[in-house]
């Protein structure tokens, strides 16, 4: 089994079809648990499978439709 690599916030936003500010909002408001990403200095790296697992289908749907909580 191949280890999954960590990706940048911009790459994560593209993968999830959301914006960079949405990713930053999810980090700051705790939607994404700290176990779903690494923070080194001011750099964040995300593990896609952990991020998707931590988001409910409703959260993804709301954000994909441009609505916020």
C-alpha atoms as a PDB file:
ATOM      1  CA  UNK A   1       0.000   0.000   0.000  1.00  0.00           C
ATOM      2  CA  UNK A   2       1.390   3.369  -0.984  1.00  0.00           C
ATOM      3  CA  UNK A   3       1.626   6.153   1.564  1.00  0.00           C
ATOM      4  CA  UNK A   4      -0.599   9.092   0.779  1.00  0.00           C
ATOM      5  CA  UNK A   5       1.262  12.368   0.385  1.00  0.00           C
ATOM      6  CA  UNK A   6       0.298  15.628   2.025  1.00  0.00           C
ATOM      7  CA  UNK A   7      -0.913  18.397  -0.287  1.00  0.00           C
ATOM      8  CA  UNK A   8      -1.058  22.183  -0.062  1.00  0.00           C
ATOM      9  CA  UNK A   9      -4.208  24.146   0.753  1.00  0.00           C
ATOM     10  CA  UNK A  10      -4.434  25.241  -2.891  1.00  0.00           C
ATOM     11  CA  UNK A  11      -4.212  21.649  -4.104  1.00  0.00           C
ATOM     12  CA  UNK A  12      -6.817  20.612  -1.535  1.00  0.00           C
ATOM     13  CA  UNK A  13      -9.151  23.385  -2.659  1.00  0.00           C
ATOM     14  CA  UNK A  14      -8.865  22.173  -6.260  1.00  0.00           C
ATOM     15  CA  UNK A  15      -9.488  18.549  -5.247  1.00  0.00           C
ATOM     16  CA  UNK A  16     -12.622  19.531  -3.295  1.00  0.00           C
ATOM     17  CA  UNK A  17     -13.820  22.188  -5.779  1.00  0.00           C
ATOM     18  CA  UNK A  18     -13.810  24.898  -3.124  1.00  0.00           C
ATOM     19  CA  UNK A  19     -11.773  28.079  -2.678  1.00  0.00           C
ATOM     20  CA  UNK A  20      -8.616  28.656  -0.671  1.00  0.00           C
ATOM     21  CA  UNK A  21     -10.514  30.882   1.762  1.00  0.00           C
ATOM     22  CA  UNK A  22     -12.942  28.000   2.409  1.00  0.00           C
ATOM     23  CA  UNK A  23     -10.030  25.743   3.367  1.00  0.00           C
ATOM     24  CA  UNK A  24      -8.648  28.449   5.683  1.00  0.00           C
ATOM     25  CA  UNK A  25     -12.107  28.908   7.234  1.00  0.00           C
ATOM     26  CA  UNK A  26     -12.413  25.173   7.851  1.00  0.00           C
ATOM     27  CA  UNK A  27      -9.034  25.195   9.622  1.00  0.00           C
ATOM     28  CA  UNK A  28      -9.758  28.285  11.725  1.00  0.00           C
ATOM     29  CA  UNK A  29     -13.278  27.286  12.793  1.00  0.00           C
ATOM     30  CA  UNK A  30     -12.281  23.703  13.609  1.00  0.00           C
ATOM     31  CA  UNK A  31     -14.277  22.048  10.823  1.00  0.00           C
ATOM     32  CA  UNK A  32     -11.043  20.280   9.910  1.00  0.00           C
ATOM     33  CA  UNK A  33      -9.538  18.594  12.963  1.00  0.00           C
ATOM     34  CA  UNK A  34      -5.826  19.087  13.555  1.00  0.00           C
ATOM     35  CA  UNK A  35      -5.329  15.396  12.764  1.00  0.00           C
ATOM     36  CA  UNK A  36      -6.221  16.100   9.094  1.00  0.00           C
ATOM     37  CA  UNK A  37      -3.272  18.418   8.480  1.00  0.00           C
ATOM     38  CA  UNK A  38       0.279  19.286   9.424  1.00  0.00           C
ATOM     39  CA  UNK A  39       1.340  22.834  10.264  1.00  0.00           C
ATOM     40  CA  UNK A  40       5.013  23.678   9.914  1.00  0.00           C
ATOM     41  CA  UNK A  41       5.600  27.335  10.686  1.00  0.00           C
ATOM     42  CA  UNK A  42       2.967  29.110   8.618  1.00  0.00           C
ATOM     43  CA  UNK A  43       2.709  26.294   6.054  1.00  0.00           C
ATOM     44  CA  UNK A  44      -0.197  23.840   6.089  1.00  0.00           C
ATOM     45  CA  UNK A  45      -0.213  20.444   4.399  1.00  0.00           C
ATOM     46  CA  UNK A  46      -3.330  18.296   4.225  1.00  0.00           C
ATOM     47  CA  UNK A  47      -3.943  14.578   3.876  1.00  0.00           C
ATOM     48  CA  UNK A  48      -6.855  14.374   1.431  1.00  0.00           C
ATOM     49  CA  UNK A  49      -8.329  11.146   2.798  1.00  0.00           C
ATOM     50  CA  UNK A  50      -8.357  12.509   6.363  1.00  0.00           C
ATOM     51  CA  UNK A  51      -9.943  15.769   5.237  1.00  0.00           C
ATOM     52  CA  UNK A  52     -12.703  14.014   3.276  1.00  0.00           C
ATOM     53  CA  UNK A  53     -13.320  11.651   6.184  1.00  0.00           C
ATOM     54  CA  UNK A  54     -13.706  14.578   8.590  1.00  0.00           C
ATOM     55  CA  UNK A  55     -16.190  16.469   6.422  1.00  0.00           C
ATOM     56  CA  UNK A  56     -19.820  15.474   6.329  1.00  0.00           C
ATOM     57  CA  UNK A  57     -21.561  15.273   2.954  1.00  0.00           C
ATOM     58  CA  UNK A  58     -23.705  18.207   4.096  1.00  0.00           C
ATOM     59  CA  UNK A  59     -20.621  20.369   4.766  1.00  0.00           C
ATOM     60  CA  UNK A  60     -19.195  19.604   1.358  1.00  0.00           C
ATOM     61  CA  UNK A  61     -22.543  20.251  -0.322  1.00  0.00           C
ATOM     62  CA  UNK A  62     -23.051  23.588   1.465  1.00  0.00           C
ATOM     63  CA  UNK A  63     -19.593  24.815   0.603  1.00  0.00           C
ATOM     64  CA  UNK A  64     -19.798  23.555  -2.981  1.00  0.00           C
ATOM     65  CA  UNK A  65     -22.977  25.585  -3.386  1.00  0.00           C
ATOM     66  CA  UNK A  66     -21.220  28.697  -2.107  1.00  0.00           C
ATOM     67  CA  UNK A  67     -23.134  28.888   1.134  1.00  0.00           C
ATOM     68  CA  UNK A  68     -21.516  29.256   4.503  1.00  0.00           C
ATOM     69  CA  UNK A  69     -22.464  28.044   7.936  1.00  0.00           C
END
